[in-house]
């Protein structure tokens, strides 16, 4: 996730490649419909408060407006702000879509947000004015991944997907932790393609790979203690206990955690470690499409 003031942008191509959600990426597919006028069926940003200034109109959700020209979503209507990128530059909105629209502080539909009901027009609140990074039509109420993975009192996110941006080496999954022995629950349903029990310690990596054919995605869980009953070819349901938290493939028991990795297509292994090839797209849009907050 982005920090409070310096937000990390998701890669537009990765966002478009993940999941079957109505998430747009620049350049817009309906560019011809964006004429700087707030027509019926559109969600519109205004450059100034009080629905004044240049207008930027949208007919769908957008996960990342882009921050630079050329290629960003810009204010297109006549008036103050015309030609400027929409990201972190809007002051008010008019929702003419016929459904609730949620404006987010972060790209990829993350961070604090403000909802606008159908037909509503008004100013963005002080925390979102000129701090708007994405919006979503008909937002779903989501559960935190750290809760869904462990349930009960949940856990905590310890290391996000990085994509080589801020860490030496690669981290192509998301790490969560609660405590050794905690139940680990499946985040998606599917068929198990591989189970490796592993052993505690740095050389004993364990693996659970689950392929969901309808999503065309494999979710891989590393470092856990797989349940004895789990077998390749077995169908599992979302929310089923599949393992206990452990430190298999981790050098210290105090660093027990669960690595969750989303990979396109049918896979049996996690992305190879120790190279500089980024094999997985940013998974955040996928997880949000499945009803999760990445936290």
C-alpha atoms as a PDB file:
ATOM      1  CA  UNK A   1       0.000   0.000   0.000  1.00  0.00           C
ATOM      2  CA  UNK A   2       1.065   3.568  -0.464  1.00  0.00           C
ATOM      3  CA  UNK A   3       2.301   5.675   2.420  1.00  0.00           C
ATOM      4  CA  UNK A   4       0.146   8.517   3.686  1.00  0.00           C
ATOM      5  CA  UNK A   5       1.672  11.173   1.475  1.00  0.00           C
ATOM      6  CA  UNK A   6       3.688   9.291  -1.122  1.00  0.00           C
ATOM      7  CA  UNK A   7       1.429   6.779  -2.749  1.00  0.00           C
ATOM      8  CA  UNK A   8       2.799   3.837  -4.732  1.00  0.00           C
ATOM      9  CA  UNK A   9       1.244   3.567  -8.164  1.00  0.00           C
ATOM     10  CA  UNK A  10       0.242   0.165  -9.445  1.00  0.00           C
ATOM     11  CA  UNK A  11       1.420  -0.747 -12.940  1.00  0.00           C
ATOM     12  CA  UNK A  12      -1.472  -0.109 -15.298  1.00  0.00           C
ATOM     13  CA  UNK A  13      -0.792  -3.131 -17.438  1.00  0.00           C
ATOM     14  CA  UNK A  14      -0.766  -5.412 -14.393  1.00  0.00           C
ATOM     15  CA  UNK A  15      -4.006  -3.999 -13.113  1.00  0.00           C
ATOM     16  CA  UNK A  16      -5.655  -4.640 -16.446  1.00  0.00           C
ATOM     17  CA  UNK A  17      -4.329  -8.176 -16.537  1.00  0.00           C
ATOM     18  CA  UNK A  18      -5.736  -9.259 -13.173  1.00  0.00           C
ATOM     19  CA  UNK A  19      -9.217 -10.575 -12.498  1.00  0.00           C
ATOM     20  CA  UNK A  20     -12.494 -10.037 -14.291  1.00  0.00           C
ATOM     21  CA  UNK A  21     -13.478  -6.805 -12.621  1.00  0.00           C
ATOM     22  CA  UNK A  22     -14.598  -3.579 -14.265  1.00  0.00           C
ATOM     23  CA  UNK A  23     -11.278  -1.843 -13.567  1.00  0.00           C
ATOM     24  CA  UNK A  24     -10.086   0.539 -16.239  1.00  0.00           C
ATOM     25  CA  UNK A  25      -6.482   1.508 -16.895  1.00  0.00           C
ATOM     26  CA  UNK A  26      -5.145   4.468 -18.859  1.00  0.00           C
ATOM     27  CA  UNK A  27      -5.692   5.087 -21.664  1.00  0.00           C
ATOM     28  CA  UNK A  28      -9.467   4.707 -21.252  1.00  0.00           C
ATOM     29  CA  UNK A  29     -11.316   2.275 -23.475  1.00  0.00           C
ATOM     30  CA  UNK A  30     -14.149   4.779 -23.816  1.00  0.00           C
ATOM     31  CA  UNK A  31     -11.992   7.808 -24.569  1.00  0.00           C
ATOM     32  CA  UNK A  32     -14.467   9.019 -27.150  1.00  0.00           C
ATOM     33  CA  UNK A  33     -17.175   9.266 -24.474  1.00  0.00           C
ATOM     34  CA  UNK A  34     -15.064  11.524 -22.266  1.00  0.00           C
ATOM     35  CA  UNK A  35     -15.962  14.948 -23.586  1.00  0.00           C
ATOM     36  CA  UNK A  36     -15.647  17.148 -20.484  1.00  0.00           C
ATOM     37  CA  UNK A  37     -19.417  17.289 -19.954  1.00  0.00           C
ATOM     38  CA  UNK A  38     -21.166  15.550 -17.071  1.00  0.00           C
ATOM     39  CA  UNK A  39     -23.790  13.514 -18.893  1.00  0.00           C
ATOM     40  CA  UNK A  40     -26.340  11.084 -17.476  1.00  0.00           C
ATOM     41  CA  UNK A  41     -24.651   7.800 -16.551  1.00  0.00           C
ATOM     42  CA  UNK A  42     -21.293   9.398 -15.761  1.00  0.00           C
ATOM     43  CA  UNK A  43     -19.239  10.090 -12.651  1.00  0.00           C
ATOM     44  CA  UNK A  44     -17.559  13.464 -12.859  1.00  0.00           C
ATOM     45  CA  UNK A  45     -14.735  15.251 -11.111  1.00  0.00           C
ATOM     46  CA  UNK A  46     -14.540  19.044 -10.979  1.00  0.00           C
ATOM     47  CA  UNK A  47     -11.294  20.951 -10.606  1.00  0.00           C
ATOM     48  CA  UNK A  48     -12.776  23.442  -8.165  1.00  0.00           C
ATOM     49  CA  UNK A  49     -15.065  23.148  -5.165  1.00  0.00           C
ATOM     50  CA  UNK A  50     -18.790  23.711  -5.637  1.00  0.00           C
ATOM     51  CA  UNK A  51     -18.834  21.781  -8.936  1.00  0.00           C
ATOM     52  CA  UNK A  52     -16.971  24.501 -10.751  1.00  0.00           C
ATOM     53  CA  UNK A  53     -14.011  24.518 -13.071  1.00  0.00           C
ATOM     54  CA  UNK A  54     -13.059  21.960 -15.693  1.00  0.00           C
ATOM     55  CA  UNK A  55     -14.812  18.570 -15.720  1.00  0.00           C
ATOM     56  CA  UNK A  56     -13.390  15.058 -16.095  1.00  0.00           C
ATOM     57  CA  UNK A  57     -16.125  12.501 -16.835  1.00  0.00           C
ATOM     58  CA  UNK A  58     -16.071   8.705 -16.463  1.00  0.00           C
ATOM     59  CA  UNK A  59     -18.447   5.826 -17.189  1.00  0.00           C
ATOM     60  CA  UNK A  60     -16.599   3.109 -15.254  1.00  0.00           C
ATOM     61  CA  UNK A  61     -14.250   2.419 -12.371  1.00  0.00           C
ATOM     62  CA  UNK A  62     -10.622   3.511 -12.656  1.00  0.00           C
ATOM     63  CA  UNK A  63      -7.840   2.037 -10.520  1.00  0.00           C
ATOM     64  CA  UNK A  64      -5.092   4.504 -11.471  1.00  0.00           C
ATOM     65  CA  UNK A  65      -5.547   7.842 -13.209  1.00  0.00           C
ATOM     66  CA  UNK A  66      -1.877   8.229 -14.103  1.00  0.00           C
ATOM     67  CA  UNK A  67       0.213  11.145 -12.929  1.00  0.00           C
ATOM     68  CA  UNK A  68       1.772  12.594 -16.070  1.00  0.00           C
ATOM     69  CA  UNK A  69       0.910  13.678 -19.573  1.00  0.00           C
ATOM     70  CA  UNK A  70       0.651  12.083 -22.003  1.00  0.00           C
ATOM     71  CA  UNK A  71      -1.502   9.217 -20.870  1.00  0.00           C
ATOM     72  CA  UNK A  72      -3.107  10.414 -17.657  1.00  0.00           C
ATOM     73  CA  UNK A  73      -6.830  10.991 -17.235  1.00  0.00           C
ATOM     74  CA  UNK A  74      -7.147  14.745 -17.509  1.00  0.00           C
ATOM     75  CA  UNK A  75      -9.740  17.463 -16.958  1.00  0.00           C
ATOM     76  CA  UNK A  76     -11.333  17.909 -20.386  1.00  0.00           C
ATOM     77  CA  UNK A  77     -14.062  20.512 -19.944  1.00  0.00           C
ATOM     78  CA  UNK A  78     -13.737  24.237 -20.333  1.00  0.00           C
ATOM     79  CA  UNK A  79     -12.651  26.241 -17.299  1.00  0.00           C
ATOM     80  CA  UNK A  80     -10.000  26.299 -14.644  1.00  0.00           C
ATOM     81  CA  UNK A  81      -7.819  23.177 -14.600  1.00  0.00           C
ATOM     82  CA  UNK A  82      -8.427  22.072 -18.186  1.00  0.00           C
ATOM     83  CA  UNK A  83      -5.665  19.722 -19.352  1.00  0.00           C
ATOM     84  CA  UNK A  84      -4.365  18.940 -15.868  1.00  0.00           C
ATOM     85  CA  UNK A  85      -4.182  15.323 -14.706  1.00  0.00           C
ATOM     86  CA  UNK A  86      -7.097  14.316 -12.476  1.00  0.00           C
ATOM     87  CA  UNK A  87      -4.963  12.471  -9.935  1.00  0.00           C
ATOM     88  CA  UNK A  88      -4.682  14.471  -6.711  1.00  0.00           C
ATOM     89  CA  UNK A  89      -6.297  17.486  -8.357  1.00  0.00           C
ATOM     90  CA  UNK A  90     -10.092  17.190  -7.925  1.00  0.00           C
ATOM     91  CA  UNK A  91     -12.108  19.222  -5.443  1.00  0.00           C
ATOM     92  CA  UNK A  92     -15.727  18.189  -6.060  1.00  0.00           C
ATOM     93  CA  UNK A  93     -17.835  15.550  -7.827  1.00  0.00           C
ATOM     94  CA  UNK A  94     -21.202  14.821  -9.365  1.00  0.00           C
ATOM     95  CA  UNK A  95     -22.381  11.220  -9.440  1.00  0.00           C
ATOM     96  CA  UNK A  96     -24.817  10.668 -12.315  1.00  0.00           C
ATOM     97  CA  UNK A  97     -24.181   6.915 -12.672  1.00  0.00           C
ATOM     98  CA  UNK A  98     -27.266   5.611 -10.876  1.00  0.00           C
ATOM     99  CA  UNK A  99     -25.111   3.722  -8.339  1.00  0.00           C
ATOM    100  CA  UNK A 100     -22.834   4.525  -5.426  1.00  0.00           C
ATOM    101  CA  UNK A 101     -19.327   5.655  -6.348  1.00  0.00           C
ATOM    102  CA  UNK A 102     -16.397   5.482  -3.926  1.00  0.00           C
ATOM    103  CA  UNK A 103     -13.414   7.848  -4.247  1.00  0.00           C
ATOM    104  CA  UNK A 104     -10.126   6.549  -2.804  1.00  0.00           C
ATOM    105  CA  UNK A 105      -6.996   8.220  -1.480  1.00  0.00           C
ATOM    106  CA  UNK A 106      -4.720   5.556  -2.995  1.00  0.00           C
ATOM    107  CA  UNK A 107      -4.443   4.041  -6.437  1.00  0.00           C
ATOM    108  CA  UNK A 108      -5.867   0.565  -6.942  1.00  0.00           C
ATOM    109  CA  UNK A 109      -8.934   1.336  -4.796  1.00  0.00           C
ATOM    110  CA  UNK A 110      -7.106   1.556  -1.498  1.00  0.00           C
ATOM    111  CA  UNK A 111      -6.787   3.772   1.553  1.00  0.00           C
ATOM    112  CA  UNK A 112      -9.350   6.117   3.020  1.00  0.00           C
ATOM    113  CA  UNK A 113     -12.425   6.799   0.904  1.00  0.00           C
ATOM    114  CA  UNK A 114     -15.600   8.819   0.512  1.00  0.00           C
ATOM    115  CA  UNK A 115     -18.862   7.479  -0.919  1.00  0.00           C
ATOM    116  CA  UNK A 116     -21.250   9.418  -3.152  1.00  0.00           C
ATOM    117  CA  UNK A 117     -24.752   8.055  -3.634  1.00  0.00           C
ATOM    118  CA  UNK A 118     -26.493   8.138  -7.006  1.00  0.00           C
ATOM    119  CA  UNK A 119     -27.392  11.665  -8.008  1.00  0.00           C
ATOM    120  CA  UNK A 120     -25.235  13.206  -5.278  1.00  0.00           C
ATOM    121  CA  UNK A 121     -23.016  16.162  -5.965  1.00  0.00           C
ATOM    122  CA  UNK A 122     -20.673  17.898  -3.557  1.00  0.00           C
ATOM    123  CA  UNK A 123     -17.148  18.609  -2.404  1.00  0.00           C
ATOM    124  CA  UNK A 124     -14.564  16.013  -1.534  1.00  0.00           C
ATOM    125  CA  UNK A 125     -13.859  15.999   2.185  1.00  0.00           C
ATOM    126  CA  UNK A 126     -10.661  17.688   3.461  1.00  0.00           C
ATOM    127  CA  UNK A 127      -8.706  14.398   3.483  1.00  0.00           C
ATOM    128  CA  UNK A 128      -9.540  13.642  -0.159  1.00  0.00           C
ATOM    129  CA  UNK A 129      -9.645  17.094  -1.720  1.00  0.00           C
ATOM    130  CA  UNK A 130      -6.714  17.165  -4.159  1.00  0.00           C
ATOM    131  CA  UNK A 131      -5.787  13.691  -2.870  1.00  0.00           C
ATOM    132  CA  UNK A 132      -7.936  11.493  -5.145  1.00  0.00           C
ATOM    133  CA  UNK A 133      -6.172   8.548  -6.766  1.00  0.00           C
ATOM    134  CA  UNK A 134      -8.915   6.138  -7.912  1.00  0.00           C
ATOM    135  CA  UNK A 135     -12.653   5.548  -7.868  1.00  0.00           C
ATOM    136  CA  UNK A 136     -14.960   2.537  -7.969  1.00  0.00           C
ATOM    137  CA  UNK A 137     -18.587   2.063  -8.991  1.00  0.00           C
ATOM    138  CA  UNK A 138     -20.774  -0.120  -6.747  1.00  0.00           C
ATOM    139  CA  UNK A 139     -18.008  -0.803  -4.205  1.00  0.00           C
ATOM    140  CA  UNK A 140     -18.279  -3.973  -2.201  1.00  0.00           C
ATOM    141  CA  UNK A 141     -17.806  -4.240   1.528  1.00  0.00           C
ATOM    142  CA  UNK A 142     -14.511  -6.073   1.852  1.00  0.00           C
ATOM    143  CA  UNK A 143     -12.817  -8.074   4.579  1.00  0.00           C
ATOM    144  CA  UNK A 144      -9.123  -7.714   5.373  1.00  0.00           C
ATOM    145  CA  UNK A 145      -6.976 -10.517   3.959  1.00  0.00           C
ATOM    146  CA  UNK A 146      -5.201 -10.810   7.317  1.00  0.00           C
ATOM    147  CA  UNK A 147      -8.551 -11.630   8.937  1.00  0.00           C
ATOM    148  CA  UNK A 148      -9.770 -14.021   6.246  1.00  0.00           C
ATOM    149  CA  UNK A 149      -6.460 -15.919   6.291  1.00  0.00           C
ATOM    150  CA  UNK A 150      -6.536 -16.577  10.040  1.00  0.00           C
ATOM    151  CA  UNK A 151     -10.117 -15.641  11.037  1.00  0.00           C
ATOM    152  CA  UNK A 152     -10.844 -15.391  14.791  1.00  0.00           C
ATOM    153  CA  UNK A 153      -8.900 -12.229  15.730  1.00  0.00           C
ATOM    154  CA  UNK A 154      -7.036 -12.120  12.427  1.00  0.00           C
ATOM    155  CA  UNK A 155      -3.362 -11.434  11.848  1.00  0.00           C
ATOM    156  CA  UNK A 156      -1.223  -8.676  10.359  1.00  0.00           C
ATOM    157  CA  UNK A 157       0.382  -7.897   7.012  1.00  0.00           C
ATOM    158  CA  UNK A 158       4.154  -8.037   7.457  1.00  0.00           C
ATOM    159  CA  UNK A 159       5.465  -7.610   3.908  1.00  0.00           C
ATOM    160  CA  UNK A 160       3.520  -6.374   0.843  1.00  0.00           C
ATOM    161  CA  UNK A 161       4.012  -7.252  -2.799  1.00  0.00           C
ATOM    162  CA  UNK A 162       6.968  -5.162  -3.848  1.00  0.00           C
ATOM    163  CA  UNK A 163       7.763  -5.807  -7.506  1.00  0.00           C
ATOM    164  CA  UNK A 164      11.412  -4.721  -7.108  1.00  0.00           C
ATOM    165  CA  UNK A 165      10.465  -1.159  -6.338  1.00  0.00           C
ATOM    166  CA  UNK A 166      11.741  -0.730  -2.789  1.00  0.00           C
ATOM    167  CA  UNK A 167      13.534  -3.889  -1.679  1.00  0.00           C
ATOM    168  CA  UNK A 168      16.737  -5.529  -2.751  1.00  0.00           C
ATOM    169  CA  UNK A 169      15.742  -8.779  -4.401  1.00  0.00           C
ATOM    170  CA  UNK A 170      12.183  -9.690  -5.135  1.00  0.00           C
ATOM    171  CA  UNK A 171       9.033 -10.232  -3.120  1.00  0.00           C
ATOM    172  CA  UNK A 172       6.304 -11.480  -5.449  1.00  0.00           C
ATOM    173  CA  UNK A 173       3.745 -12.395  -2.812  1.00  0.00           C
ATOM    174  CA  UNK A 174       2.267 -10.912   0.350  1.00  0.00           C
ATOM    175  CA  UNK A 175       3.336 -12.028   3.830  1.00  0.00           C
ATOM    176  CA  UNK A 176       1.004 -12.297   6.803  1.00  0.00           C
ATOM    177  CA  UNK A 177       1.659 -13.444  10.349  1.00  0.00           C
ATOM    178  CA  UNK A 178      -0.265 -14.304  13.457  1.00  0.00           C
ATOM    179  CA  UNK A 179       1.373 -16.995  15.586  1.00  0.00           C
ATOM    180  CA  UNK A 180       2.827 -20.477  15.184  1.00  0.00           C
ATOM    181  CA  UNK A 181       0.134 -23.115  15.046  1.00  0.00           C
ATOM    182  CA  UNK A 182      -2.673 -20.740  14.033  1.00  0.00           C
ATOM    183  CA  UNK A 183      -5.163 -22.143  11.534  1.00  0.00           C
ATOM    184  CA  UNK A 184      -4.613 -20.967   7.951  1.00  0.00           C
ATOM    185  CA  UNK A 185      -7.777 -20.712   5.817  1.00  0.00           C
ATOM    186  CA  UNK A 186      -8.056 -20.813   2.023  1.00  0.00           C
ATOM    187  CA  UNK A 187      -8.696 -17.392   0.491  1.00  0.00           C
ATOM    188  CA  UNK A 188     -10.197 -18.810  -2.715  1.00  0.00           C
ATOM    189  CA  UNK A 189     -11.742 -22.113  -3.714  1.00  0.00           C
ATOM    190  CA  UNK A 190     -10.141 -24.391  -6.268  1.00  0.00           C
ATOM    191  CA  UNK A 191      -8.266 -27.631  -6.899  1.00  0.00           C
ATOM    192  CA  UNK A 192      -4.982 -28.397  -5.163  1.00  0.00           C
ATOM    193  CA  UNK A 193      -2.204 -28.783  -7.747  1.00  0.00           C
ATOM    194  CA  UNK A 194       0.691 -29.413  -5.363  1.00  0.00           C
ATOM    195  CA  UNK A 195       1.387 -30.052  -1.677  1.00  0.00           C
ATOM    196  CA  UNK A 196       4.884 -30.146  -0.179  1.00  0.00           C
ATOM    197  CA  UNK A 197       5.032 -30.619   3.588  1.00  0.00           C
ATOM    198  CA  UNK A 198       8.540 -29.275   4.076  1.00  0.00           C
ATOM    199  CA  UNK A 199      10.043 -28.926   7.522  1.00  0.00           C
ATOM    200  CA  UNK A 200      10.831 -26.155   9.980  1.00  0.00           C
ATOM    201  CA  UNK A 201      14.052 -24.331   9.170  1.00  0.00           C
ATOM    202  CA  UNK A 202      15.619 -22.528   6.239  1.00  0.00           C
ATOM    203  CA  UNK A 203      15.946 -25.560   3.959  1.00  0.00           C
ATOM    204  CA  UNK A 204      12.471 -27.018   4.392  1.00  0.00           C
ATOM    205  CA  UNK A 205      10.141 -24.888   2.265  1.00  0.00           C
ATOM    206  CA  UNK A 206       6.532 -26.083   2.212  1.00  0.00           C
ATOM    207  CA  UNK A 207       4.054 -25.351  -0.570  1.00  0.00           C
ATOM    208  CA  UNK A 208       0.298 -25.467  -1.088  1.00  0.00           C
ATOM    209  CA  UNK A 209      -0.858 -24.517  -4.613  1.00  0.00           C
ATOM    210  CA  UNK A 210      -4.573 -24.072  -5.381  1.00  0.00           C
ATOM    211  CA  UNK A 211      -5.827 -23.416  -8.926  1.00  0.00           C
ATOM    212  CA  UNK A 212      -9.183 -21.730  -9.543  1.00  0.00           C
ATOM    213  CA  UNK A 213     -10.191 -22.522 -13.135  1.00  0.00           C
ATOM    214  CA  UNK A 214     -12.896 -19.854 -13.417  1.00  0.00           C
ATOM    215  CA  UNK A 215     -10.483 -17.132 -12.278  1.00  0.00           C
ATOM    216  CA  UNK A 216      -7.575 -18.695 -14.187  1.00  0.00           C
ATOM    217  CA  UNK A 217      -5.370 -17.960 -11.198  1.00  0.00           C
ATOM    218  CA  UNK A 218      -3.315 -20.078  -8.796  1.00  0.00           C
ATOM    219  CA  UNK A 219      -2.938 -19.056  -5.155  1.00  0.00           C
ATOM    220  CA  UNK A 220       0.179 -20.417  -3.454  1.00  0.00           C
ATOM    221  CA  UNK A 221       0.767 -20.582   0.298  1.00  0.00           C
ATOM    222  CA  UNK A 222       4.349 -21.004   1.542  1.00  0.00           C
ATOM    223  CA  UNK A 223       5.972 -21.748   4.933  1.00  0.00           C
ATOM    224  CA  UNK A 224       2.871 -23.342   6.499  1.00  0.00           C
ATOM    225  CA  UNK A 225       2.335 -26.809   7.957  1.00  0.00           C
ATOM    226  CA  UNK A 226      -0.167 -28.333   5.484  1.00  0.00           C
ATOM    227  CA  UNK A 227      -3.011 -30.400   6.907  1.00  0.00           C
ATOM    228  CA  UNK A 228      -2.301 -34.127   6.668  1.00  0.00           C
ATOM    229  CA  UNK A 229      -5.495 -34.703   4.698  1.00  0.00           C
ATOM    230  CA  UNK A 230      -4.539 -32.245   1.951  1.00  0.00           C
ATOM    231  CA  UNK A 231      -3.675 -33.902  -1.367  1.00  0.00           C
ATOM    232  CA  UNK A 232      -3.007 -32.844  -4.969  1.00  0.00           C
ATOM    233  CA  UNK A 233      -6.208 -33.140  -7.005  1.00  0.00           C
ATOM    234  CA  UNK A 234      -8.424 -32.357  -4.017  1.00  0.00           C
ATOM    235  CA  UNK A 235     -11.054 -29.637  -4.339  1.00  0.00           C
ATOM    236  CA  UNK A 236     -11.148 -27.130  -1.485  1.00  0.00           C
ATOM    237  CA  UNK A 237     -13.577 -24.379  -0.650  1.00  0.00           C
ATOM    238  CA  UNK A 238     -12.953 -20.785   0.292  1.00  0.00           C
ATOM    239  CA  UNK A 239     -12.673 -20.549   4.074  1.00  0.00           C
ATOM    240  CA  UNK A 240     -11.540 -24.156   4.539  1.00  0.00           C
ATOM    241  CA  UNK A 241      -8.662 -24.810   6.958  1.00  0.00           C
ATOM    242  CA  UNK A 242      -5.708 -25.975   4.843  1.00  0.00           C
ATOM    243  CA  UNK A 243      -2.697 -25.554   7.156  1.00  0.00           C
ATOM    244  CA  UNK A 244      -1.262 -24.227  10.380  1.00  0.00           C
ATOM    245  CA  UNK A 245       1.164 -21.339  10.537  1.00  0.00           C
ATOM    246  CA  UNK A 246       4.769 -22.541  10.744  1.00  0.00           C
ATOM    247  CA  UNK A 247       8.313 -21.615   9.754  1.00  0.00           C
ATOM    248  CA  UNK A 248       8.989 -24.132   7.004  1.00  0.00           C
ATOM    249  CA  UNK A 249      11.625 -22.663   4.768  1.00  0.00           C
ATOM    250  CA  UNK A 250      12.280 -19.863   7.282  1.00  0.00           C
ATOM    251  CA  UNK A 251      15.479 -19.683   9.329  1.00  0.00           C
ATOM    252  CA  UNK A 252      13.927 -18.631  12.645  1.00  0.00           C
ATOM    253  CA  UNK A 253      10.808 -19.761  14.500  1.00  0.00           C
ATOM    254  CA  UNK A 254      10.233 -16.146  15.549  1.00  0.00           C
ATOM    255  CA  UNK A 255       9.723 -15.319  11.861  1.00  0.00           C
ATOM    256  CA  UNK A 256       6.883 -17.801  11.294  1.00  0.00           C
ATOM    257  CA  UNK A 257       4.482 -16.415   8.702  1.00  0.00           C
ATOM    258  CA  UNK A 258       2.339 -17.287   5.682  1.00  0.00           C
ATOM    259  CA  UNK A 259       3.411 -16.153   2.227  1.00  0.00           C
ATOM    260  CA  UNK A 260       0.427 -15.769  -0.133  1.00  0.00           C
ATOM    261  CA  UNK A 261       1.202 -15.521  -3.842  1.00  0.00           C
ATOM    262  CA  UNK A 262      -1.195 -15.075  -6.755  1.00  0.00           C
ATOM    263  CA  UNK A 263       0.045 -16.383 -10.123  1.00  0.00           C
ATOM    264  CA  UNK A 264      -1.690 -16.237 -13.518  1.00  0.00           C
ATOM    265  CA  UNK A 265      -2.705 -19.580 -15.003  1.00  0.00           C
ATOM    266  CA  UNK A 266      -2.380 -23.077 -13.591  1.00  0.00           C
ATOM    267  CA  UNK A 267       0.788 -23.300 -11.520  1.00  0.00           C
ATOM    268  CA  UNK A 268       2.385 -25.751  -9.085  1.00  0.00           C
ATOM    269  CA  UNK A 269       5.320 -23.701  -7.786  1.00  0.00           C
ATOM    270  CA  UNK A 270       5.868 -20.226  -6.401  1.00  0.00           C
ATOM    271  CA  UNK A 271       7.865 -17.769  -8.470  1.00  0.00           C
ATOM    272  CA  UNK A 272      11.586 -18.667  -8.334  1.00  0.00           C
ATOM    273  CA  UNK A 273      13.572 -16.691  -5.813  1.00  0.00           C
ATOM    274  CA  UNK A 274      17.020 -15.231  -6.278  1.00  0.00           C
ATOM    275  CA  UNK A 275      16.621 -13.848  -9.794  1.00  0.00           C
ATOM    276  CA  UNK A 276      15.667 -10.427 -11.110  1.00  0.00           C
ATOM    277  CA  UNK A 277      12.750 -11.552 -13.262  1.00  0.00           C
ATOM    278  CA  UNK A 278       9.377 -10.278 -12.068  1.00  0.00           C
ATOM    279  CA  UNK A 279       7.105 -13.229 -12.847  1.00  0.00           C
ATOM    280  CA  UNK A 280       3.871 -12.106 -11.180  1.00  0.00           C
ATOM    281  CA  UNK A 281       1.725  -9.011 -11.760  1.00  0.00           C
ATOM    282  CA  UNK A 282       0.746  -6.795  -8.861  1.00  0.00           C
ATOM    283  CA  UNK A 283      -1.973  -8.871  -7.153  1.00  0.00           C
ATOM    284  CA  UNK A 284      -3.861  -6.126  -5.325  1.00  0.00           C
ATOM    285  CA  UNK A 285      -6.607  -5.629  -7.927  1.00  0.00           C
ATOM    286  CA  UNK A 286      -7.185  -9.380  -8.009  1.00  0.00           C
ATOM    287  CA  UNK A 287      -7.589  -9.600  -4.247  1.00  0.00           C
ATOM    288  CA  UNK A 288      -9.953  -6.649  -4.193  1.00  0.00           C
ATOM    289  CA  UNK A 289     -12.012  -8.275  -6.949  1.00  0.00           C
ATOM    290  CA  UNK A 290     -12.408 -11.245  -4.602  1.00  0.00           C
ATOM    291  CA  UNK A 291     -13.762  -9.051  -1.800  1.00  0.00           C
ATOM    292  CA  UNK A 292     -10.580  -8.443   0.195  1.00  0.00           C
ATOM    293  CA  UNK A 293      -8.714  -5.418   1.448  1.00  0.00           C
ATOM    294  CA  UNK A 294      -4.988  -5.981   1.071  1.00  0.00           C
ATOM    295  CA  UNK A 295      -4.200  -5.435   4.705  1.00  0.00           C
END
